């Protein structure tokens, strides 16, 4: 079995890899990539992309290729995805508020859960981007990213509290008047981080 990292052949192994050997290969590939501040993005077996779990449980295969991505590329791609996702997330907040005002239904609450998870994902992307770029809140714009992020999470938690009491009109109001503006405030930091990642950071 041929093993490659990007386009560089790494090893030529005989026979089928045992699970511990596949796990060892993956860990070694991660360490090799990390030396150049890169991450494993894809695992291809005979040209077919596999998730990590599938790779570790696979049988057979003639070639394993680990495709890496630089920190800069990883952060840029994540922030570009976040930038594309933000308008849909903001629209979703208003849609949920509209539906809660019209009538209570389970679909609105399912969508609300997705909105909550989406906000958590955006916050996580921002946090991870700072870590990977090696910068702090103070290095970004007005230095208020951390404060803005915490305010959003507090506002979201507060907005959800009427849900337990079935106060759907209050929930709708707080989503529209508190959560949506707080998330909008976070949007500019996504733009600033993306400009930093794609331009200044090497």
Protein backbone atom coordinates (compact mmCIF):
# COMPACT_ATOMS: atom_id res chain seq x y z
CA UNK A 1 0.00 0.00 0.00
CA UNK A 2 1.30 3.41 -0.98
CA UNK A 3 1.06 6.18 1.61
CA UNK A 4 1.30 9.84 0.57
CA UNK A 5 1.11 13.19 2.31
CA UNK A 6 -0.18 15.62 -0.29
CA UNK A 7 1.89 14.72 -3.37
CA UNK A 8 4.89 13.29 -1.54
CA UNK A 9 5.15 9.51 -1.30
CA UNK A 10 5.84 8.62 2.28
CA UNK A 11 5.89 4.84 2.55
CA UNK A 12 5.17 1.71 0.56
CA UNK A 13 3.74 -0.87 2.90
CA UNK A 14 3.13 -4.54 2.29
CA UNK A 15 -0.22 -6.20 2.89
CA UNK A 16 -3.39 -4.93 4.54
CA UNK A 17 -3.04 -2.44 7.37
CA UNK A 18 -4.28 -3.47 10.78
CA UNK A 19 -6.41 -0.99 12.72
CA UNK A 20 -3.56 -0.01 15.04
CA UNK A 21 -1.33 0.54 12.01
CA UNK A 22 -3.95 2.77 10.37
CA UNK A 23 -4.31 4.71 13.63
CA UNK A 24 -0.52 5.02 13.89
CA UNK A 25 -0.29 6.28 10.29
CA UNK A 26 -2.94 8.91 10.93
CA UNK A 27 -1.25 10.15 14.10
CA UNK A 28 2.12 10.27 12.38
CA UNK A 29 0.63 12.16 9.41
CA UNK A 30 -0.89 14.69 11.83
CA UNK A 31 2.47 15.22 13.52
CA UNK A 32 4.24 15.63 10.18
CA UNK A 33 1.63 18.15 9.04
CA UNK A 34 1.83 20.05 12.34
CA UNK A 35 5.57 20.63 11.85
CA UNK A 36 4.63 22.91 8.94
CA UNK A 37 1.58 24.38 10.74
CA UNK A 38 -0.77 22.31 8.61
CA UNK A 39 -3.74 20.05 9.39
CA UNK A 40 -5.09 16.88 7.80
CA UNK A 41 -8.15 17.96 5.83
CA UNK A 42 -8.94 14.83 3.81
CA UNK A 43 -8.08 11.16 3.88
CA UNK A 44 -8.32 9.51 0.47
CA UNK A 45 -8.19 5.74 0.00
CA UNK A 46 -7.78 4.80 -3.64
CA UNK A 47 -8.95 8.32 -4.48
CA UNK A 48 -12.14 8.05 -2.42
CA UNK A 49 -12.55 10.47 0.52
CA UNK A 50 -13.21 8.81 3.89
CA UNK A 51 -14.09 10.17 7.31
CA UNK A 52 -11.61 9.31 10.05
CA UNK A 53 -13.84 6.60 11.53
CA UNK A 54 -14.29 4.97 8.12
CA UNK A 55 -10.54 5.08 7.48
CA UNK A 56 -9.80 3.39 10.79
CA UNK A 57 -12.30 0.61 10.09
CA UNK A 58 -11.62 0.15 6.36
CA UNK A 59 -10.51 -3.08 4.74
CA UNK A 60 -8.17 -3.27 1.79
CA UNK A 61 -7.02 -0.35 -0.33
CA UNK A 62 -3.94 0.19 -2.46
CA UNK A 63 -3.21 3.85 -1.71
CA UNK A 64 -3.77 6.17 1.24
CA UNK A 65 -3.32 9.89 0.69
CA UNK A 66 -3.44 12.46 3.49
CA UNK A 67 -4.34 15.88 2.10
CA UNK A 68 -3.25 18.78 4.30
CA UNK A 69 -4.31 22.39 4.63
CA UNK A 70 -2.39 25.31 6.11
CA UNK A 71 -3.58 27.17 9.20
CA UNK A 72 -4.22 30.21 7.01
CA UNK A 73 -6.30 28.20 4.53
CA UNK A 74 -8.22 26.42 7.29
CA UNK A 75 -9.11 29.64 9.10
CA UNK A 76 -9.96 31.43 5.84
CA UNK A 77 -12.27 28.62 4.68
CA UNK A 78 -14.02 28.44 8.07
CA UNK A 79 -14.55 32.19 8.21
CA UNK A 80 -15.77 32.33 4.60
CA UNK A 81 -18.32 29.65 5.45
CA UNK A 82 -19.33 31.62 8.55
CA UNK A 83 -19.66 34.80 6.50
CA UNK A 84 -21.97 33.02 4.04
CA UNK A 85 -23.98 31.47 6.88
CA UNK A 86 -24.57 34.63 8.94
CA UNK A 87 -27.32 36.18 6.74
CA UNK A 88 -29.29 32.90 6.81
CA UNK A 89 -28.87 32.72 10.57
CA UNK A 90 -30.09 36.29 11.04
CA UNK A 91 -33.05 35.66 8.72
CA UNK A 92 -33.78 32.47 10.66
CA UNK A 93 -34.05 34.38 13.93
CA UNK A 94 -36.69 36.69 12.44
CA UNK A 95 -38.51 33.76 10.83
CA UNK A 96 -38.74 31.96 14.18
CA UNK A 97 -39.99 35.14 15.85
CA UNK A 98 -42.67 35.58 13.16
CA UNK A 99 -43.84 31.99 13.52
CA UNK A 100 -43.97 32.15 17.30
CA UNK A 101 -46.15 35.26 17.06
CA UNK A 102 -48.51 33.63 14.58
CA UNK A 103 -49.02 30.41 16.52
CA UNK A 104 -47.11 27.95 18.64
CA UNK A 105 -45.88 24.94 16.70
CA UNK A 106 -43.19 22.33 17.07
CA UNK A 107 -41.57 23.30 13.77
CA UNK A 108 -40.80 26.76 15.13
CA UNK A 109 -39.15 25.23 18.20
CA UNK A 110 -37.15 22.82 16.03
CA UNK A 111 -35.94 25.77 13.96
CA UNK A 112 -35.17 27.66 17.18
CA UNK A 113 -32.95 24.80 18.31
CA UNK A 114 -31.12 24.90 14.97
CA UNK A 115 -30.67 28.68 15.35
CA UNK A 116 -29.25 28.19 18.84
CA UNK A 117 -26.83 25.54 17.57
CA UNK A 118 -25.87 27.81 14.66
CA UNK A 119 -25.03 30.67 17.00
CA UNK A 120 -22.91 28.29 19.07
CA UNK A 121 -21.09 27.20 15.91
CA UNK A 122 -20.34 30.82 14.90
CA UNK A 123 -18.98 31.59 18.37
CA UNK A 124 -16.80 28.45 18.23
CA UNK A 125 -15.41 29.35 14.78
CA UNK A 126 -14.43 32.82 16.03
CA UNK A 127 -12.79 31.36 19.15
CA UNK A 128 -10.85 28.73 17.18
CA UNK A 129 -9.80 31.28 14.55
CA UNK A 130 -8.25 33.50 17.22
CA UNK A 131 -6.37 30.53 18.67
CA UNK A 132 -5.10 29.29 15.32
CA UNK A 133 -4.01 32.75 14.19
CA UNK A 134 -2.30 33.33 17.53
CA UNK A 135 -4.09 36.59 18.21
CA UNK A 136 -6.26 37.93 21.02
CA UNK A 137 -9.39 40.08 21.17
CA UNK A 138 -7.16 43.11 21.69
CA UNK A 139 -5.50 42.53 18.29
CA UNK A 140 -8.80 42.71 16.45
CA UNK A 141 -10.65 45.92 15.58
CA UNK A 142 -11.95 47.68 18.68
CA UNK A 143 -10.80 44.84 20.97
CA UNK A 144 -14.39 44.13 22.02
CA UNK A 145 -14.93 40.73 20.39
CA UNK A 146 -14.90 38.89 23.72
CA UNK A 147 -17.36 41.33 25.28
CA UNK A 148 -19.63 41.18 22.23
CA UNK A 149 -19.51 37.38 22.19
CA UNK A 150 -20.37 37.11 25.89
CA UNK A 151 -23.20 39.62 25.52
CA UNK A 152 -24.66 37.55 22.69
CA UNK A 153 -24.55 34.35 24.75
CA UNK A 154 -26.12 36.09 27.76
CA UNK A 155 -28.84 37.66 25.62
CA UNK A 156 -29.56 34.28 24.00
CA UNK A 157 -29.82 32.55 27.36
CA UNK A 158 -32.11 35.29 28.65
CA UNK A 159 -34.26 35.21 25.53
CA UNK A 160 -34.84 31.47 25.89
CA UNK A 161 -36.03 31.72 29.51
CA UNK A 162 -39.68 32.59 28.59
CA UNK A 163 -39.81 29.32 26.64
CA UNK A 164 -40.08 27.28 29.85
CA UNK A 165 -43.20 29.25 30.83
CA UNK A 166 -44.74 29.08 27.37
CA UNK A 167 -44.45 32.84 26.84
CA UNK A 168 -44.01 32.65 23.10
CA UNK A 169 -44.77 36.31 22.34
CA UNK A 170 -42.08 37.39 24.81
CA UNK A 171 -39.67 34.88 23.30
CA UNK A 172 -40.40 36.21 19.82
CA UNK A 173 -39.89 39.80 20.97
CA UNK A 174 -36.56 39.03 22.63
CA UNK A 175 -35.30 37.06 19.65
CA UNK A 176 -36.04 39.96 17.32
CA UNK A 177 -35.08 42.87 19.57
CA UNK A 178 -32.14 41.39 21.53
CA UNK A 179 -30.65 38.27 19.92
CA UNK A 180 -30.70 39.45 16.30
CA UNK A 181 -28.92 42.79 17.02
CA UNK A 182 -26.37 41.05 19.29
CA UNK A 183 -25.57 38.54 16.53
CA UNK A 184 -25.38 41.37 13.97
CA UNK A 185 -22.75 43.02 16.19
CA UNK A 186 -20.64 39.88 15.94
CA UNK A 187 -20.77 39.90 12.15
CA UNK A 188 -18.17 42.63 11.70
CA UNK A 189 -15.62 40.59 13.65
CA UNK A 190 -16.09 37.73 11.22
CA UNK A 191 -15.31 40.15 8.38
CA UNK A 192 -12.28 41.59 10.19
CA UNK A 193 -10.87 38.16 11.07
CA UNK A 194 -11.35 36.96 7.49
CA UNK A 195 -9.50 40.01 6.14
CA UNK A 196 -6.70 39.34 8.60
CA UNK A 197 -6.51 35.61 7.82
CA UNK A 198 -6.63 35.96 4.05
CA UNK A 199 -4.34 38.98 3.86
CA UNK A 200 -1.90 39.75 6.62
CA UNK A 201 -1.40 36.38 8.33
CA UNK A 202 1.02 33.99 6.70
